Every structure is written in C-alpha cells, then in structure tokens.
Amino acid sequence: MKRRINFKMIQIRTKLVQIMADKRGEGFVDTAIKILMAVVIGALLLAGLYKLFADTVLPTLTQRVTEMFNYSG
C-alpha cells in the first residue's frame, strides 16, 4: 500500500513538473488585443445597424403605421 502511494506521489510530482516547465500559453497582451478587437468590431456592427434602421427601416415603418391608422374607409 505504501509503495502504491509513493508511486502515485511520484506520478503527480512528475506531471506537475511537466506542467510548470511548459512554455506554451497565451499571454495577457494577446487576450487583451482579442477582447479589444471584438469590442471594436461589435461597435462597428451596432453603428451600421443603427444607421440602417434610422435611415431605411424606421421611416418606412412609420409611414406604414400612419397610413394604416389614417384609413378613411
């Protein structure tokens, strides 16, 4: 039993040493740049949709609703 516990402890220690020696991974700067890009692209998309709705969709919708309620029959 003691031999089995020692073997498991050696396995865990070896795995931890491998993880700590690993040089891969993302840095904070990479993640910050990705987040900044996502925010900028999202803002551009929202601005484009707002422009589309303000210039094209809302005036047409307002006109149709006004015509619908001004029905003289």
PDB file of N, CA and C in Angstrom:
ATOM      1  N   MET A   1       0.824  -1.196   0.000  1.00  0.00           N
ATOM      2  CA  MET A   1       0.000   0.000   0.000  1.00  0.00           C
ATOM      3  C   MET A   1       0.869   1.261   0.000  1.00  0.00           C
ATOM      4  N   LYS A   2       1.904   1.225   0.830  1.00  0.00           N
ATOM      5  CA  LYS A   2       2.797   2.376   0.906  1.00  0.00           C
ATOM      6  C   LYS A   2       3.526   2.578  -0.419  1.00  0.00           C
ATOM      7  N   ARG A   3       3.889   1.483  -1.061  1.00  0.00           N
ATOM      8  CA  ARG A   3       4.572   1.547  -2.348  1.00  0.00           C
ATOM      9  C   ARG A   3       3.655   2.173  -3.400  1.00  0.00           C
ATOM     10  N   ARG A   4       2.383   1.829  -3.366  1.00  0.00           N
ATOM     11  CA  ARG A   4       1.405   2.374  -4.316  1.00  0.00           C
ATOM     12  C   ARG A   4       1.230   3.882  -4.114  1.00  0.00           C
ATOM     13  N   ILE A   5       1.162   4.318  -2.864  1.00  0.00           N
ATOM     14  CA  ILE A   5       1.023   5.745  -2.560  1.00  0.00           C
ATOM     15  C   ILE A   5       2.263   6.506  -3.024  1.00  0.00           C
ATOM     16  N   ASN A   6       3.437   5.949  -2.764  1.00  0.00           N
ATOM     17  CA  ASN A   6       4.674   6.593  -3.217  1.00  0.00           C
ATOM     18  C   ASN A   6       4.710   6.697  -4.737  1.00  0.00           C
ATOM     19  N   PHE A   7       4.278   5.642  -5.413  1.00  0.00           N
ATOM     20  CA  PHE A   7       4.259   5.658  -6.879  1.00  0.00           C
ATOM     21  C   PHE A   7       3.320   6.752  -7.400  1.00  0.00           C
ATOM     22  N   LYS A   8       2.137   6.874  -6.799  1.00  0.00           N
ATOM     23  CA  LYS A   8       1.183   7.918  -7.203  1.00  0.00           C
ATOM     24  C   LYS A   8       1.750   9.307  -6.940  1.00  0.00           C
ATOM     25  N   MET A   9       2.414   9.489  -5.820  1.00  0.00           N
ATOM     26  CA  MET A   9       3.011  10.780  -5.499  1.00  0.00           C
ATOM     27  C   MET A   9       4.092  11.146  -6.519  1.00  0.00           C
ATOM     28  N   ILE A  10       4.878  10.160  -6.930  1.00  0.00           N
ATOM     29  CA  ILE A  10       5.909  10.410  -7.942  1.00  0.00           C
ATOM     30  C   ILE A  10       5.261  10.775  -9.270  1.00  0.00           C
ATOM     31  N   GLN A  11       4.166  10.096  -9.619  1.00  0.00           N
ATOM     32  CA  GLN A  11       3.452  10.420 -10.860  1.00  0.00           C
ATOM     33  C   GLN A  11       2.914  11.848 -10.827  1.00  0.00           C
ATOM     34  N   ILE A  12       2.314  12.224  -9.721  1.00  0.00           N
ATOM     35  CA  ILE A  12       1.750  13.569  -9.585  1.00  0.00           C
ATOM     36  C   ILE A  12       2.860  14.611  -9.645  1.00  0.00           C
ATOM     37  N   ARG A  13       3.976  14.352  -8.962  1.00  0.00           N
ATOM     38  CA  ARG A  13       5.094  15.293  -8.979  1.00  0.00           C
ATOM     39  C   ARG A  13       5.654  15.449 -10.390  1.00  0.00           C
ATOM     40  N   THR A  14       5.789  14.345 -11.099  1.00  0.00           N
ATOM     41  CA  THR A  14       6.299  14.392 -12.471  1.00  0.00           C
ATOM     42  C   THR A  14       5.370  15.201 -13.365  1.00  0.00           C
ATOM     43  N   LYS A  15       4.083  14.985 -13.213  1.00  0.00           N
ATOM     44  CA  LYS A  15       3.101  15.724 -14.015  1.00  0.00           C
ATOM     45  C   LYS A  15       3.162  17.219 -13.700  1.00  0.00           C
ATOM     46  N   LEU A  16       3.278  17.588 -12.435  1.00  0.00           N
ATOM     47  CA  LEU A  16       3.372  18.995 -12.048  1.00  0.00           C
ATOM     48  C   LEU A  16       4.638  19.645 -12.594  1.00  0.00           C
ATOM     49  N   VAL A  17       5.739  18.923 -12.569  1.00  0.00           N
ATOM     50  CA  VAL A  17       6.990  19.466 -13.109  1.00  0.00           C
ATOM     51  C   VAL A  17       6.847  19.702 -14.604  1.00  0.00           C
ATOM     52  N   GLN A  18       6.195  18.785 -15.305  1.00  0.00           N
ATOM     53  CA  GLN A  18       5.979  18.953 -16.743  1.00  0.00           C
ATOM     54  C   GLN A  18       5.097  20.165 -17.025  1.00  0.00           C
ATOM     55  N   ILE A  19       4.059  20.339 -16.239  1.00  0.00           N
ATOM     56  CA  ILE A  19       3.152  21.480 -16.433  1.00  0.00           C
ATOM     57  C   ILE A  19       3.883  22.793 -16.164  1.00  0.00           C
ATOM     58  N   MET A  20       4.663  22.837 -15.107  1.00  0.00           N
ATOM     59  CA  MET A  20       5.370  24.068 -14.764  1.00  0.00           C
ATOM     60  C   MET A  20       6.479  24.399 -15.765  1.00  0.00           C
ATOM     61  N   ALA A  21       7.059  23.391 -16.390  1.00  0.00           N
ATOM     62  CA  ALA A  21       8.135  23.617 -17.354  1.00  0.00           C
ATOM     63  C   ALA A  21       7.603  23.967 -18.737  1.00  0.00           C
ATOM     64  N   ASP A  22       6.310  23.820 -18.937  1.00  0.00           N
ATOM     65  CA  ASP A  22       5.707  24.088 -20.245  1.00  0.00           C
ATOM     66  C   ASP A  22       5.765  25.580 -20.548  1.00  0.00           C
ATOM     67  N   LYS A  23       6.282  25.934 -21.694  1.00  0.00           N
ATOM     68  CA  LYS A  23       6.453  27.337 -22.083  1.00  0.00           C
ATOM     69  C   LYS A  23       5.333  27.831 -22.989  1.00  0.00           C
ATOM     70  N   ARG A  24       4.375  26.996 -23.298  1.00  0.00           N
ATOM     71  CA  ARG A  24       3.277  27.412 -24.167  1.00  0.00           C
ATOM     72  C   ARG A  24       2.254  28.218 -23.375  1.00  0.00           C
ATOM     73  N   GLY A  25       1.327  28.812 -24.103  1.00  0.00           N
ATOM     74  CA  GLY A  25       0.241  29.514 -23.450  1.00  0.00           C
ATOM     75  C   GLY A  25       0.044  30.903 -24.008  1.00  0.00           C
ATOM     76  N   GLU A  26      -1.081  31.463 -23.671  1.00  0.00           N
ATOM     77  CA  GLU A  26      -1.404  32.814 -24.116  1.00  0.00           C
ATOM     78  C   GLU A  26      -0.949  33.808 -23.067  1.00  0.00           C
ATOM     79  N   GLY A  27      -0.499  34.933 -23.553  1.00  0.00           N
ATOM     80  CA  GLY A  27      -0.124  35.998 -22.645  1.00  0.00           C
ATOM     81  C   GLY A  27      -1.298  36.932 -22.416  1.00  0.00           C
ATOM     82  N   PHE A  28      -1.143  37.821 -21.486  1.00  0.00           N
ATOM     83  CA  PHE A  28      -2.202  38.772 -21.182  1.00  0.00           C
ATOM     84  C   PHE A  28      -2.408  39.753 -22.328  1.00  0.00           C
ATOM     85  N   VAL A  29      -1.333  40.096 -23.021  1.00  0.00           N
ATOM     86  CA  VAL A  29      -1.429  41.060 -24.120  1.00  0.00           C
ATOM     87  C   VAL A  29      -2.239  40.470 -25.266  1.00  0.00           C
ATOM     88  N   ASP A  30      -2.010  39.198 -25.580  1.00  0.00           N
ATOM     89  CA  ASP A  30      -2.771  38.541 -26.645  1.00  0.00           C
ATOM     90  C   ASP A  30      -4.266  38.558 -26.338  1.00  0.00           C
ATOM     91  N   THR A  31      -4.601  38.214 -25.119  1.00  0.00           N
ATOM     92  CA  THR A  31      -6.007  38.183 -24.725  1.00  0.00           C
ATOM     93  C   THR A  31      -6.614  39.581 -24.761  1.00  0.00           C
ATOM     94  N   ALA A  32      -5.880  40.574 -24.297  1.00  0.00           N
ATOM     95  CA  ALA A  32      -6.385  41.949 -24.301  1.00  0.00           C
ATOM     96  C   ALA A  32      -6.626  42.437 -25.726  1.00  0.00           C
ATOM     97  N   ILE A  33      -5.729  42.090 -26.644  1.00  0.00           N
ATOM     98  CA  ILE A  33      -5.904  42.509 -28.040  1.00  0.00           C
ATOM     99  C   ILE A  33      -7.131  41.845 -28.648  1.00  0.00           C
ATOM    100  N   LYS A  34      -7.346  40.568 -28.346  1.00  0.00           N
ATOM    101  CA  LYS A  34      -8.529  39.866 -28.862  1.00  0.00           C
ATOM    102  C   LYS A  34      -9.817  40.503 -28.339  1.00  0.00           C
ATOM    103  N   ILE A  35      -9.839  40.834 -27.063  1.00  0.00           N
ATOM    104  CA  ILE A  35     -11.028  41.459 -26.483  1.00  0.00           C
ATOM    105  C   ILE A  35     -11.262  42.827 -27.104  1.00  0.00           C
ATOM    106  N   LEU A  36     -10.210  43.606 -27.271  1.00  0.00           N
ATOM    107  CA  LEU A  36     -10.328  44.932 -27.877  1.00  0.00           C
ATOM    108  C   LEU A  36     -10.841  44.839 -29.309  1.00  0.00           C
ATOM    109  N   MET A  37     -10.341  43.881 -30.071  1.00  0.00           N
ATOM    110  CA  MET A  37     -10.813  43.693 -31.447  1.00  0.00           C
ATOM    111  C   MET A  37     -12.294  43.326 -31.467  1.00  0.00           C
ATOM    112  N   ALA A  38     -12.718  42.459 -30.564  1.00  0.00           N
ATOM    113  CA  ALA A  38     -14.121  42.061 -30.510  1.00  0.00           C
ATOM    114  C   ALA A  38     -15.014  43.252 -30.172  1.00  0.00           C
ATOM    115  N   VAL A  39     -14.574  44.098 -29.244  1.00  0.00           N
ATOM    116  CA  VAL A  39     -15.365  45.271 -28.862  1.00  0.00           C
ATOM    117  C   VAL A  39     -15.475  46.252 -30.028  1.00  0.00           C
ATOM    118  N   VAL A  40     -14.371  46.490 -30.728  1.00  0.00           N
ATOM    119  CA  VAL A  40     -14.385  47.438 -31.850  1.00  0.00           C
ATOM    120  C   VAL A  40     -15.267  46.920 -32.980  1.00  0.00           C
ATOM    121  N   ILE A  41     -15.129  45.644 -33.322  1.00  0.00           N
ATOM    122  CA  ILE A  41     -15.955  45.075 -34.395  1.00  0.00           C
ATOM    123  C   ILE A  41     -17.427  45.099 -33.999  1.00  0.00           C
ATOM    124  N   GLY A  42     -17.733  44.790 -32.746  1.00  0.00           N
ATOM    125  CA  GLY A  42     -19.116  44.845 -32.276  1.00  0.00           C
ATOM    126  C   GLY A  42     -19.683  46.250 -32.344  1.00  0.00           C
ATOM    127  N   ALA A  43     -18.881  47.240 -31.973  1.00  0.00           N
ATOM    128  CA  ALA A  43     -19.343  48.632 -32.035  1.00  0.00           C
ATOM    129  C   ALA A  43     -19.605  49.056 -33.475  1.00  0.00           C
ATOM    130  N   LEU A  44     -18.740  48.641 -34.388  1.00  0.00           N
ATOM    131  CA  LEU A  44     -18.958  48.971 -35.801  1.00  0.00           C
ATOM    132  C   LEU A  44     -20.230  48.320 -36.338  1.00  0.00           C
ATOM    133  N   LEU A  45     -20.471  47.074 -35.965  1.00  0.00           N
ATOM    134  CA  LEU A  45     -21.698  46.400 -36.403  1.00  0.00           C
ATOM    135  C   LEU A  45     -22.943  47.087 -35.842  1.00  0.00           C
ATOM    136  N   LEU A  46     -22.890  47.451 -34.565  1.00  0.00           N
ATOM    137  CA  LEU A  46     -24.040  48.135 -33.971  1.00  0.00           C
ATOM    138  C   LEU A  46     -24.274  49.499 -34.612  1.00  0.00           C
ATOM    139  N   ALA A  47     -23.207  50.220 -34.915  1.00  0.00           N
ATOM    140  CA  ALA A  47     -23.354  51.523 -35.570  1.00  0.00           C
ATOM    141  C   ALA A  47     -23.951  51.355 -36.961  1.00  0.00           C
ATOM    142  N   GLY A  48     -23.516  50.333 -37.690  1.00  0.00           N
ATOM    143  CA  GLY A  48     -24.072  50.074 -39.015  1.00  0.00           C
ATOM    144  C   GLY A  48     -25.542  49.705 -38.955  1.00  0.00           C
ATOM    145  N   LEU A  49     -25.915  48.871 -37.995  1.00  0.00           N
ATOM    146  CA  LEU A  49     -27.329  48.507 -37.853  1.00  0.00           C
ATOM    147  C   LEU A  49     -28.174  49.713 -37.459  1.00  0.00           C
ATOM    148  N   TYR A  50     -27.657  50.548 -36.566  1.00  0.00           N
ATOM    149  CA  TYR A  50     -28.390  51.748 -36.169  1.00  0.00           C
ATOM    150  C   TYR A  50     -28.605  52.667 -37.365  1.00  0.00           C
ATOM    151  N   LYS A  51     -27.567  52.835 -38.168  1.00  0.00           N
ATOM    152  CA  LYS A  51     -27.665  53.684 -39.364  1.00  0.00           C
ATOM    153  C   LYS A  51     -28.694  53.107 -40.340  1.00  0.00           C
ATOM    154  N   LEU A  52     -28.675  51.798 -40.531  1.00  0.00           N
ATOM    155  CA  LEU A  52     -29.625  51.141 -41.424  1.00  0.00           C
ATOM    156  C   LEU A  52     -31.055  51.331 -40.935  1.00  0.00           C
ATOM    157  N   PHE A  53     -31.286  51.103 -39.650  1.00  0.00           N
ATOM    158  CA  PHE A  53     -32.635  51.233 -39.113  1.00  0.00           C
ATOM    159  C   PHE A  53     -33.101  52.680 -39.121  1.00  0.00           C
ATOM    160  N   ALA A  54     -32.214  53.609 -38.801  1.00  0.00           N
ATOM    161  CA  ALA A  54     -32.608  55.018 -38.729  1.00  0.00           C
ATOM    162  C   ALA A  54     -32.938  55.585 -40.102  1.00  0.00           C
ATOM    163  N   ASP A  55     -32.207  55.182 -41.128  1.00  0.00           N
ATOM    164  CA  ASP A  55     -32.398  55.757 -42.461  1.00  0.00           C
ATOM    165  C   ASP A  55     -33.392  54.993 -43.321  1.00  0.00           C
ATOM    166  N   THR A  56     -33.490  53.704 -43.178  1.00  0.00           N
ATOM    167  CA  THR A  56     -34.271  52.894 -44.104  1.00  0.00           C
ATOM    168  C   THR A  56     -35.520  52.302 -43.468  1.00  0.00           C
ATOM    169  N   VAL A  57     -35.360  51.609 -42.384  1.00  0.00           N
ATOM    170  CA  VAL A  57     -36.458  50.822 -41.829  1.00  0.00           C
ATOM    171  C   VAL A  57     -37.455  51.684 -41.069  1.00  0.00           C
ATOM    172  N   LEU A  58     -36.994  52.544 -40.173  1.00  0.00           N
ATOM    173  CA  LEU A  58     -37.916  53.311 -39.335  1.00  0.00           C
ATOM    174  C   LEU A  58     -38.796  54.286 -40.117  1.00  0.00           C
ATOM    175  N   PRO A  59     -38.273  55.042 -41.088  1.00  0.00           N
ATOM    176  CA  PRO A  59     -39.180  55.920 -41.840  1.00  0.00           C
ATOM    177  C   PRO A  59     -40.259  55.143 -42.595  1.00  0.00           C
ATOM    178  N   THR A  60     -39.890  54.026 -43.186  1.00  0.00           N
ATOM    179  CA  THR A  60     -40.869  53.208 -43.902  1.00  0.00           C
ATOM    180  C   THR A  60     -41.897  52.648 -42.935  1.00  0.00           C
ATOM    181  N   LEU A  61     -41.442  52.177 -41.790  1.00  0.00           N
ATOM    182  CA  LEU A  61     -42.347  51.623 -40.790  1.00  0.00           C
ATOM    183  C   LEU A  61     -43.284  52.701 -40.255  1.00  0.00           C
ATOM    184  N   THR A  62     -42.763  53.869 -39.985  1.00  0.00           N
ATOM    185  CA  THR A  62     -43.592  54.980 -39.506  1.00  0.00           C
ATOM    186  C   THR A  62     -44.637  55.360 -40.540  1.00  0.00           C
ATOM    187  N   GLN A  63     -44.249  55.401 -41.785  1.00  0.00           N
ATOM    188  CA  GLN A  63     -45.185  55.742 -42.859  1.00  0.00           C
ATOM    189  C   GLN A  63     -46.291  54.696 -42.958  1.00  0.00           C
ATOM    190  N   ARG A  64     -45.959  53.437 -42.882  1.00  0.00           N
ATOM    191  CA  ARG A  64     -46.968  52.376 -42.990  1.00  0.00           C
ATOM    192  C   ARG A  64     -47.937  52.400 -41.812  1.00  0.00           C
ATOM    193  N   VAL A  65     -47.419  52.629 -40.613  1.00  0.00           N
ATOM    194  CA  VAL A  65     -48.303  52.687 -39.445  1.00  0.00           C
ATOM    195  C   VAL A  65     -49.235  53.886 -39.554  1.00  0.00           C
ATOM    196  N   THR A  66     -48.723  55.029 -39.989  1.00  0.00           N
ATOM    197  CA  THR A  66     -49.553  56.223 -40.163  1.00  0.00           C
ATOM    198  C   THR A  66     -50.632  55.981 -41.204  1.00  0.00           C
ATOM    199  N   GLU A  67     -50.283  55.366 -42.317  1.00  0.00           N
ATOM    200  CA  GLU A  67     -51.271  55.065 -43.353  1.00  0.00           C
ATOM    201  C   GLU A  67     -52.315  54.080 -42.851  1.00  0.00           C
ATOM    202  N   MET A  68     -51.905  53.140 -42.019  1.00  0.00           N
ATOM    203  CA  MET A  68     -52.831  52.137 -41.516  1.00  0.00           C
ATOM    204  C   MET A  68     -53.869  52.777 -40.586  1.00  0.00           C
ATOM    205  N   PHE A  69     -53.472  53.729 -39.762  1.00  0.00           N
ATOM    206  CA  PHE A  69     -54.405  54.347 -38.835  1.00  0.00           C
ATOM    207  C   PHE A  69     -55.163  55.520 -39.447  1.00  0.00           C
ATOM    208  N   ASN A  70     -54.717  56.044 -40.577  1.00  0.00           N
ATOM    209  CA  ASN A  70     -55.427  57.119 -41.264  1.00  0.00           C
ATOM    210  C   ASN A  70     -56.342  56.577 -42.356  1.00  0.00           C
ATOM    211  N   TYR A  71     -56.772  55.374 -42.202  1.00  0.00           N
ATOM    212  CA  TYR A  71     -57.654  54.753 -43.191  1.00  0.00           C
ATOM    213  C   TYR A  71     -59.010  55.455 -43.148  1.00  0.00           C
ATOM    214  N   SER A  72     -59.437  55.968 -44.303  1.00  0.00           N
ATOM    215  CA  SER A  72     -60.690  56.734 -44.325  1.00  0.00           C
ATOM    216  C   SER A  72     -61.882  55.874 -44.727  1.00  0.00           C
ATOM    217  N   GLY A  73     -61.655  54.673 -45.161  1.00  0.00           N
ATOM    218  CA  GLY A  73     -62.675  53.688 -45.427  1.00  0.00           C
ATOM    219  C   GLY A  73     -63.628  54.027 -46.436  1.00  0.00           C
TER     220      GLY A  73
END
